Amino acid sequence: MKKADFIAQVATKSGLSKKDTEVVIDKALETITEALVKRDSVSFLGFGSFTATKKEAREITIPGTTKKVKVPAKFSVRFKPGKLLKEAVK
């Protein structure tokens, strides 16, 4: 499902216009992003939670060669689905 399809479905279910729905969704995603940049987690009861996790620096070997490359430490986003979401997808 693409963003436009998602916006259309949410607009239909909520009774809001597509334009208003797009603004709300964009602001919600912006808020989630800002929280993750601050290393805060964002949780939606039953749906799941987003967390920023740190991946330590490491050295990897490129497959098929003996060349080793250092990968710097970085943060990544992790999503852990909630119980209700897991049950709905079964």
PDB file of N, CA and C in Angstrom:
ATOM      1  N   MET A   1       0.846  -1.163   0.000  1.00  0.00           N
ATOM      2  CA  MET A   1       0.000   0.000   0.000  1.00  0.00           C
ATOM      3  C   MET A   1       0.899   1.235   0.000  1.00  0.00           C
ATOM      4  N   LYS A   2       0.628   2.118  -0.895  1.00  0.00           N
ATOM      5  CA  LYS A   2       1.388   3.355  -0.990  1.00  0.00           C
ATOM      6  C   LYS A   2       0.775   4.411  -0.082  1.00  0.00           C
ATOM      7  N   LYS A   3       1.523   5.481   0.151  1.00  0.00           N
ATOM      8  CA  LYS A   3       1.076   6.534   1.055  1.00  0.00           C
ATOM      9  C   LYS A   3      -0.262   7.126   0.623  1.00  0.00           C
ATOM     10  N   ALA A   4      -0.429   7.362  -0.669  1.00  0.00           N
ATOM     11  CA  ALA A   4      -1.682   7.948  -1.170  1.00  0.00           C
ATOM     12  C   ALA A   4      -2.869   7.031  -0.894  1.00  0.00           C
ATOM     13  N   ASP A   5      -2.676   5.720  -1.061  1.00  0.00           N
ATOM     14  CA  ASP A   5      -3.736   4.755  -0.769  1.00  0.00           C
ATOM     15  C   ASP A   5      -4.062   4.748   0.726  1.00  0.00           C
ATOM     16  N   PHE A   6      -3.023   4.808   1.537  1.00  0.00           N
ATOM     17  CA  PHE A   6      -3.203   4.836   2.986  1.00  0.00           C
ATOM     18  C   PHE A   6      -3.997   6.072   3.406  1.00  0.00           C
ATOM     19  N   ILE A   7      -3.610   7.217   2.874  1.00  0.00           N
ATOM     20  CA  ILE A   7      -4.303   8.475   3.191  1.00  0.00           C
ATOM     21  C   ILE A   7      -5.763   8.397   2.775  1.00  0.00           C
ATOM     22  N   ALA A   8      -6.034   7.852   1.602  1.00  0.00           N
ATOM     23  CA  ALA A   8      -7.413   7.738   1.113  1.00  0.00           C
ATOM     24  C   ALA A   8      -8.253   6.852   2.035  1.00  0.00           C
ATOM     25  N   GLN A   9      -7.693   5.738   2.483  1.00  0.00           N
ATOM     26  CA  GLN A   9      -8.442   4.835   3.359  1.00  0.00           C
ATOM     27  C   GLN A   9      -8.693   5.460   4.729  1.00  0.00           C
ATOM     28  N   VAL A  10      -7.682   6.131   5.278  1.00  0.00           N
ATOM     29  CA  VAL A  10      -7.856   6.777   6.579  1.00  0.00           C
ATOM     30  C   VAL A  10      -8.875   7.908   6.465  1.00  0.00           C
ATOM     31  N   ALA A  11      -8.825   8.655   5.369  1.00  0.00           N
ATOM     32  CA  ALA A  11      -9.781   9.747   5.164  1.00  0.00           C
ATOM     33  C   ALA A  11     -11.200   9.208   5.096  1.00  0.00           C
ATOM     34  N   THR A  12     -11.395   8.105   4.401  1.00  0.00           N
ATOM     35  CA  THR A  12     -12.716   7.493   4.284  1.00  0.00           C
ATOM     36  C   THR A  12     -13.221   7.023   5.647  1.00  0.00           C
ATOM     37  N   LYS A  13     -12.361   6.371   6.413  1.00  0.00           N
ATOM     38  CA  LYS A  13     -12.761   5.841   7.716  1.00  0.00           C
ATOM     39  C   LYS A  13     -12.988   6.934   8.755  1.00  0.00           C
ATOM     40  N   SER A  14     -12.258   8.045   8.645  1.00  0.00           N
ATOM     41  CA  SER A  14     -12.351   9.093   9.661  1.00  0.00           C
ATOM     42  C   SER A  14     -13.361  10.179   9.310  1.00  0.00           C
ATOM     43  N   GLY A  15     -13.722  10.266   8.034  1.00  0.00           N
ATOM     44  CA  GLY A  15     -14.639  11.319   7.613  1.00  0.00           C
ATOM     45  C   GLY A  15     -13.946  12.650   7.364  1.00  0.00           C
ATOM     46  N   LEU A  16     -12.618  12.671   7.470  1.00  0.00           N
ATOM     47  CA  LEU A  16     -11.854  13.887   7.179  1.00  0.00           C
ATOM     48  C   LEU A  16     -11.566  13.974   5.687  1.00  0.00           C
ATOM     49  N   SER A  17     -11.183  15.157   5.235  1.00  0.00           N
ATOM     50  CA  SER A  17     -10.796  15.294   3.829  1.00  0.00           C
ATOM     51  C   SER A  17      -9.423  14.657   3.642  1.00  0.00           C
ATOM     52  N   LYS A  18      -9.095  14.328   2.409  1.00  0.00           N
ATOM     53  CA  LYS A  18      -7.780  13.733   2.131  1.00  0.00           C
ATOM     54  C   LYS A  18      -6.668  14.710   2.490  1.00  0.00           C
ATOM     55  N   LYS A  19      -6.910  15.985   2.227  1.00  0.00           N
ATOM     56  CA  LYS A  19      -5.904  17.005   2.516  1.00  0.00           C
ATOM     57  C   LYS A  19      -5.631  17.089   4.021  1.00  0.00           C
ATOM     58  N   ASP A  20      -6.696  17.113   4.827  1.00  0.00           N
ATOM     59  CA  ASP A  20      -6.535  17.171   6.277  1.00  0.00           C
ATOM     60  C   ASP A  20      -5.877  15.892   6.803  1.00  0.00           C
ATOM     61  N   THR A  21      -6.276  14.763   6.254  1.00  0.00           N
ATOM     62  CA  THR A  21      -5.707  13.482   6.671  1.00  0.00           C
ATOM     63  C   THR A  21      -4.223  13.426   6.362  1.00  0.00           C
ATOM     64  N   GLU A  22      -3.829  13.921   5.199  1.00  0.00           N
ATOM     65  CA  GLU A  22      -2.417  13.933   4.825  1.00  0.00           C
ATOM     66  C   GLU A  22      -1.607  14.784   5.797  1.00  0.00           C
ATOM     67  N   VAL A  23      -2.140  15.934   6.186  1.00  0.00           N
ATOM     68  CA  VAL A  23      -1.446  16.808   7.139  1.00  0.00           C
ATOM     69  C   VAL A  23      -1.266  16.089   8.474  1.00  0.00           C
ATOM     70  N   VAL A  24      -2.326  15.444   8.956  1.00  0.00           N
ATOM     71  CA  VAL A  24      -2.258  14.734  10.236  1.00  0.00           C
ATOM     72  C   VAL A  24      -1.235  13.604  10.174  1.00  0.00           C
ATOM     73  N   ILE A  25      -1.258  12.817   9.114  1.00  0.00           N
ATOM     74  CA  ILE A  25      -0.321  11.697   8.983  1.00  0.00           C
ATOM     75  C   ILE A  25       1.112  12.204   8.880  1.00  0.00           C
ATOM     76  N   ASP A  26       1.334  13.248   8.086  1.00  0.00           N
ATOM     77  CA  ASP A  26       2.681  13.806   7.961  1.00  0.00           C
ATOM     78  C   ASP A  26       3.197  14.318   9.294  1.00  0.00           C
ATOM     79  N   LYS A  27       2.346  14.991  10.060  1.00  0.00           N
ATOM     80  CA  LYS A  27       2.760  15.508  11.366  1.00  0.00           C
ATOM     81  C   LYS A  27       2.998  14.382  12.366  1.00  0.00           C
ATOM     82  N   ALA A  28       2.200  13.320  12.290  1.00  0.00           N
ATOM     83  CA  ALA A  28       2.407  12.166  13.171  1.00  0.00           C
ATOM     84  C   ALA A  28       3.753  11.508  12.876  1.00  0.00           C
ATOM     85  N   LEU A  29       4.068  11.317  11.606  1.00  0.00           N
ATOM     86  CA  LEU A  29       5.353  10.714  11.233  1.00  0.00           C
ATOM     87  C   LEU A  29       6.517  11.622  11.611  1.00  0.00           C
ATOM     88  N   GLU A  30       6.321  12.917  11.463  1.00  0.00           N
ATOM     89  CA  GLU A  30       7.356  13.881  11.845  1.00  0.00           C
ATOM     90  C   GLU A  30       7.618  13.810  13.357  1.00  0.00           C
ATOM     91  N   THR A  31       6.561  13.687  14.143  1.00  0.00           N
ATOM     92  CA  THR A  31       6.684  13.602  15.593  1.00  0.00           C
ATOM     93  C   THR A  31       7.400  12.322  16.014  1.00  0.00           C
ATOM     94  N   ILE A  32       7.072  11.218  15.359  1.00  0.00           N
ATOM     95  CA  ILE A  32       7.753   9.944  15.643  1.00  0.00           C
ATOM     96  C   ILE A  32       9.243  10.071  15.311  1.00  0.00           C
ATOM     97  N   THR A  33       9.554  10.663  14.174  1.00  0.00           N
ATOM     98  CA  THR A  33      10.946  10.839  13.758  1.00  0.00           C
ATOM     99  C   THR A  33      11.707  11.692  14.759  1.00  0.00           C
ATOM    100  N   GLU A  34      11.101  12.804  15.189  1.00  0.00           N
ATOM    101  CA  GLU A  34      11.764  13.684  16.158  1.00  0.00           C
ATOM    102  C   GLU A  34      12.035  12.957  17.474  1.00  0.00           C
ATOM    103  N   ALA A  35      11.098  12.147  17.918  1.00  0.00           N
ATOM    104  CA  ALA A  35      11.292  11.390  19.158  1.00  0.00           C
ATOM    105  C   ALA A  35      12.441  10.401  19.012  1.00  0.00           C
ATOM    106  N   LEU A  36      12.528   9.726  17.880  1.00  0.00           N
ATOM    107  CA  LEU A  36      13.601   8.748  17.666  1.00  0.00           C
ATOM    108  C   LEU A  36      14.958   9.434  17.553  1.00  0.00           C
ATOM    109  N   VAL A  37      14.989  10.614  16.961  1.00  0.00           N
ATOM    110  CA  VAL A  37      16.242  11.364  16.876  1.00  0.00           C
ATOM    111  C   VAL A  37      16.735  11.708  18.284  1.00  0.00           C
ATOM    112  N   LYS A  38      15.813  11.984  19.206  1.00  0.00           N
ATOM    113  CA  LYS A  38      16.159  12.268  20.608  1.00  0.00           C
ATOM    114  C   LYS A  38      16.420  10.981  21.403  1.00  0.00           C
ATOM    115  N   ARG A  39      16.330   9.838  20.742  1.00  0.00           N
ATOM    116  CA  ARG A  39      16.528   8.516  21.343  1.00  0.00           C
ATOM    117  C   ARG A  39      15.404   8.126  22.293  1.00  0.00           C
ATOM    118  N   ASP A  40      14.226   8.747  22.140  1.00  0.00           N
ATOM    119  CA  ASP A  40      13.036   8.349  22.890  1.00  0.00           C
ATOM    120  C   ASP A  40      12.349   7.226  22.133  1.00  0.00           C
ATOM    121  N   SER A  41      11.601   6.411  22.851  1.00  0.00           N
ATOM    122  CA  SER A  41      10.824   5.378  22.170  1.00  0.00           C
ATOM    123  C   SER A  41       9.396   5.878  22.004  1.00  0.00           C
ATOM    124  N   VAL A  42       8.704   5.329  21.020  1.00  0.00           N
ATOM    125  CA  VAL A  42       7.314   5.692  20.753  1.00  0.00           C
ATOM    126  C   VAL A  42       6.504   4.406  20.772  1.00  0.00           C
ATOM    127  N   SER A  43       5.506   4.346  21.661  1.00  0.00           N
ATOM    128  CA  SER A  43       4.712   3.124  21.817  1.00  0.00           C
ATOM    129  C   SER A  43       3.237   3.397  21.562  1.00  0.00           C
ATOM    130  N   PHE A  44       2.604   2.468  20.869  1.00  0.00           N
ATOM    131  CA  PHE A  44       1.168   2.484  20.645  1.00  0.00           C
ATOM    132  C   PHE A  44       0.641   1.170  21.206  1.00  0.00           C
ATOM    133  N   LEU A  45      -0.093   1.258  22.303  1.00  0.00           N
ATOM    134  CA  LEU A  45      -0.583   0.082  22.993  1.00  0.00           C
ATOM    135  C   LEU A  45      -1.325  -0.848  22.030  1.00  0.00           C
ATOM    136  N   GLY A  46      -0.894  -2.097  21.962  1.00  0.00           N
ATOM    137  CA  GLY A  46      -1.520  -3.089  21.102  1.00  0.00           C
ATOM    138  C   GLY A  46      -0.960  -3.111  19.698  1.00  0.00           C
ATOM    139  N   PHE A  47      -0.429  -1.967  19.214  1.00  0.00           N
ATOM    140  CA  PHE A  47       0.103  -1.903  17.856  1.00  0.00           C
ATOM    141  C   PHE A  47       1.581  -2.233  17.827  1.00  0.00           C
ATOM    142  N   GLY A  48       2.374  -1.524  18.648  1.00  0.00           N
ATOM    143  CA  GLY A  48       3.798  -1.793  18.684  1.00  0.00           C
ATOM    144  C   GLY A  48       4.581  -0.588  19.146  1.00  0.00           C
ATOM    145  N   SER A  49       5.904  -0.732  19.134  1.00  0.00           N
ATOM    146  CA  SER A  49       6.754   0.366  19.579  1.00  0.00           C
ATOM    147  C   SER A  49       7.960   0.519  18.663  1.00  0.00           C
ATOM    148  N   PHE A  50       8.370   1.769  18.527  1.00  0.00           N
ATOM    149  CA  PHE A  50       9.546   2.133  17.754  1.00  0.00           C
ATOM    150  C   PHE A  50      10.628   2.554  18.737  1.00  0.00           C
ATOM    151  N   THR A  51      11.844   2.054  18.549  1.00  0.00           N
ATOM    152  CA  THR A  51      12.962   2.454  19.393  1.00  0.00           C
ATOM    153  C   THR A  51      14.196   2.673  18.529  1.00  0.00           C
ATOM    154  N   ALA A  52      15.049   3.594  18.977  1.00  0.00           N
ATOM    155  CA  ALA A  52      16.335   3.815  18.320  1.00  0.00           C
ATOM    156  C   ALA A  52      17.351   2.959  19.058  1.00  0.00           C
ATOM    157  N   THR A  53      17.998   2.053  18.350  1.00  0.00           N
ATOM    158  CA  THR A  53      18.979   1.170  18.977  1.00  0.00           C
ATOM    159  C   THR A  53      20.361   1.433  18.402  1.00  0.00           C
ATOM    160  N   LYS A  54      21.355   1.351  19.263  1.00  0.00           N
ATOM    161  CA  LYS A  54      22.723   1.602  18.821  1.00  0.00           C
ATOM    162  C   LYS A  54      23.362   0.305  18.350  1.00  0.00           C
ATOM    163  N   LYS A  55      23.975   0.374  17.190  1.00  0.00           N
ATOM    164  CA  LYS A  55      24.752  -0.752  16.676  1.00  0.00           C
ATOM    165  C   LYS A  55      26.224  -0.387  16.847  1.00  0.00           C
ATOM    166  N   GLU A  56      26.945  -1.221  17.540  1.00  0.00           N
ATOM    167  CA  GLU A  56      28.355  -0.958  17.821  1.00  0.00           C
ATOM    168  C   GLU A  56      29.204  -1.051  16.553  1.00  0.00           C
ATOM    169  N   ALA A  57      30.361  -0.408  16.592  1.00  0.00           N
ATOM    170  CA  ALA A  57      31.312  -0.508  15.484  1.00  0.00           C
ATOM    171  C   ALA A  57      31.800  -1.944  15.397  1.00  0.00           C
ATOM    172  N   ARG A  58      32.057  -2.388  14.192  1.00  0.00           N
ATOM    173  CA  ARG A  58      32.510  -3.767  14.022  1.00  0.00           C
ATOM    174  C   ARG A  58      33.338  -3.882  12.744  1.00  0.00           C
ATOM    175  N   GLU A  59      33.978  -5.017  12.597  1.00  0.00           N
ATOM    176  CA  GLU A  59      34.766  -5.286  11.402  1.00  0.00           C
ATOM    177  C   GLU A  59      34.134  -6.474  10.689  1.00  0.00           C
ATOM    178  N   ILE A  60      33.898  -6.317   9.390  1.00  0.00           N
ATOM    179  CA  ILE A  60      33.285  -7.399   8.627  1.00  0.00           C
ATOM    180  C   ILE A  60      34.220  -7.830   7.508  1.00  0.00           C
ATOM    181  N   THR A  61      34.032  -9.052   7.044  1.00  0.00           N
ATOM    182  CA  THR A  61      34.775  -9.566   5.904  1.00  0.00           C
ATOM    183  C   THR A  61      33.842  -9.584   4.712  1.00  0.00           C
ATOM    184  N   ILE A  62      34.293  -9.025   3.604  1.00  0.00           N
ATOM    185  CA  ILE A  62      33.479  -9.003   2.396  1.00  0.00           C
ATOM    186  C   ILE A  62      33.426 -10.415   1.825  1.00  0.00           C
ATOM    187  N   PRO A  63      32.204 -10.937   1.587  1.00  0.00           N
ATOM    188  CA  PRO A  63      32.079 -12.310   1.068  1.00  0.00           C
ATOM    189  C   PRO A  63      32.841 -12.501  -0.247  1.00  0.00           C
ATOM    190  N   GLY A  64      33.505 -13.631  -0.370  1.00  0.00           N
ATOM    191  CA  GLY A  64      34.242 -13.964  -1.587  1.00  0.00           C
ATOM    192  C   GLY A  64      35.641 -13.404  -1.622  1.00  0.00           C
ATOM    193  N   THR A  65      36.002 -12.614  -0.611  1.00  0.00           N
ATOM    194  CA  THR A  65      37.351 -12.056  -0.535  1.00  0.00           C
ATOM    195  C   THR A  65      37.837 -12.191   0.902  1.00  0.00           C
ATOM    196  N   THR A  66      39.065 -11.787   1.105  1.00  0.00           N
ATOM    197  CA  THR A  66      39.582 -11.761   2.470  1.00  0.00           C
ATOM    198  C   THR A  66      39.676 -10.329   2.979  1.00  0.00           C
ATOM    199  N   LYS A  67      39.119  -9.400   2.212  1.00  0.00           N
ATOM    200  CA  LYS A  67      39.174  -7.987   2.564  1.00  0.00           C
ATOM    201  C   LYS A  67      38.281  -7.706   3.775  1.00  0.00           C
ATOM    202  N   LYS A  68      38.853  -7.001   4.746  1.00  0.00           N
ATOM    203  CA  LYS A  68      38.097  -6.640   5.946  1.00  0.00           C
ATOM    204  C   LYS A  68      37.781  -5.143   5.889  1.00  0.00           C
ATOM    205  N   VAL A  69      36.569  -4.817   6.322  1.00  0.00           N
ATOM    206  CA  VAL A  69      36.113  -3.436   6.299  1.00  0.00           C
ATOM    207  C   VAL A  69      35.581  -3.082   7.683  1.00  0.00           C
ATOM    208  N   LYS A  70      35.927  -1.890   8.144  1.00  0.00           N
ATOM    209  CA  LYS A  70      35.415  -1.432   9.435  1.00  0.00           C
ATOM    210  C   LYS A  70      34.088  -0.709   9.200  1.00  0.00           C
ATOM    211  N   VAL A  71      33.082  -1.111   9.956  1.00  0.00           N
ATOM    212  CA  VAL A  71      31.762  -0.480   9.883  1.00  0.00           C
ATOM    213  C   VAL A  71      31.618   0.369  11.143  1.00  0.00           C
ATOM    214  N   PRO A  72      31.386   1.670  10.980  1.00  0.00           N
ATOM    215  CA  PRO A  72      31.297   2.530  12.158  1.00  0.00           C
ATOM    216  C   PRO A  72      30.016   2.281  12.963  1.00  0.00           C
ATOM    217  N   ALA A  73      30.033   2.717  14.212  1.00  0.00           N
ATOM    218  CA  ALA A  73      28.840   2.622  15.063  1.00  0.00           C
ATOM    219  C   ALA A  73      27.758   3.531  14.497  1.00  0.00           C
ATOM    220  N   LYS A  74      26.513   3.121  14.673  1.00  0.00           N
ATOM    221  CA  LYS A  74      25.403   3.944  14.183  1.00  0.00           C
ATOM    222  C   LYS A  74      24.136   3.581  14.952  1.00  0.00           C
ATOM    223  N   PHE A  75      23.140   4.420  14.806  1.00  0.00           N
ATOM    224  CA  PHE A  75      21.829   4.136  15.383  1.00  0.00           C
ATOM    225  C   PHE A  75      20.906   3.632  14.282  1.00  0.00           C
ATOM    226  N   SER A  76      20.023   2.746  14.659  1.00  0.00           N
ATOM    227  CA  SER A  76      19.059   2.173  13.729  1.00  0.00           C
ATOM    228  C   SER A  76      17.701   2.168  14.416  1.00  0.00           C
ATOM    229  N   VAL A  77      16.644   2.072  13.626  1.00  0.00           N
ATOM    230  CA  VAL A  77      15.295   2.046  14.184  1.00  0.00           C
ATOM    231  C   VAL A  77      14.800   0.605  14.236  1.00  0.00           C
ATOM    232  N   ARG A  78      14.204   0.264  15.370  1.00  0.00           N
ATOM    233  CA  ARG A  78      13.637  -1.075  15.549  1.00  0.00           C
ATOM    234  C   ARG A  78      12.153  -0.925  15.829  1.00  0.00           C
ATOM    235  N   PHE A  79      11.363  -1.764  15.190  1.00  0.00           N
ATOM    236  CA  PHE A  79       9.924  -1.809  15.458  1.00  0.00           C
ATOM    237  C   PHE A  79       9.596  -3.160  16.059  1.00  0.00           C
ATOM    238  N   LYS A  80       8.939  -3.129  17.208  1.00  0.00           N
ATOM    239  CA  LYS A  80       8.516  -4.368  17.858  1.00  0.00           C
ATOM    240  C   LYS A  80       6.988  -4.380  17.842  1.00  0.00           C
ATOM    241  N   PRO A  81       6.385  -5.312  17.088  1.00  0.00           N
ATOM    242  CA  PRO A  81       4.922  -5.347  17.015  1.00  0.00           C
ATOM    243  C   PRO A  81       4.291  -5.718  18.349  1.00  0.00           C
ATOM    244  N   GLY A  82       3.124  -5.142  18.606  1.00  0.00           N
ATOM    245  CA  GLY A  82       2.377  -5.434  19.821  1.00  0.00           C
ATOM    246  C   GLY A  82       1.540  -6.693  19.675  1.00  0.00           C
ATOM    247  N   LYS A  83       0.982  -7.123  20.760  1.00  0.00           N
ATOM    248  CA  LYS A  83       0.218  -8.377  20.799  1.00  0.00           C
ATOM    249  C   LYS A  83      -0.988  -8.342  19.851  1.00  0.00           C
ATOM    250  N   LEU A  84      -1.756  -7.253  19.870  1.00  0.00           N
ATOM    251  CA  LEU A  84      -2.949  -7.174  19.016  1.00  0.00           C
ATOM    252  C   LEU A  84      -2.585  -7.207  17.528  1.00  0.00           C
ATOM    253  N   LEU A  85      -1.489  -6.544  17.161  1.00  0.00           N
ATOM    254  CA  LEU A  85      -1.048  -6.537  15.763  1.00  0.00           C
ATOM    255  C   LEU A  85      -0.592  -7.936  15.355  1.00  0.00           C
ATOM    256  N   LYS A  86       0.147  -8.613  16.217  1.00  0.00           N
ATOM    257  CA  LYS A  86       0.610  -9.970  15.914  1.00  0.00           C
ATOM    258  C   LYS A  86      -0.569 -10.906  15.697  1.00  0.00           C
ATOM    259  N   GLU A  87      -1.574 -10.807  16.573  1.00  0.00           N
ATOM    260  CA  GLU A  87      -2.745 -11.677  16.460  1.00  0.00           C
ATOM    261  C   GLU A  87      -3.554 -11.373  15.199  1.00  0.00           C
ATOM    262  N   ALA A  88      -3.649 -10.109  14.829  1.00  0.00           N
ATOM    263  CA  ALA A  88      -4.419  -9.734  13.638  1.00  0.00           C
ATOM    264  C   ALA A  88      -3.762 -10.230  12.364  1.00  0.00           C
ATOM    265  N   VAL A  89      -2.439 -10.312  12.356  1.00  0.00           N
ATOM    266  CA  VAL A  89      -1.709 -10.718  11.146  1.00  0.00           C
ATOM    267  C   VAL A  89      -1.655 -12.229  10.984  1.00  0.00           C
ATOM    268  N   LYS A  90      -1.835 -12.968  12.064  1.00  0.00           N
ATOM    269  CA  LYS A  90      -1.764 -14.441  11.994  1.00  0.00           C
ATOM    270  C   LYS A  90      -2.588 -15.015  10.889  1.00  0.00           C
TER     271      LYS A  90
END
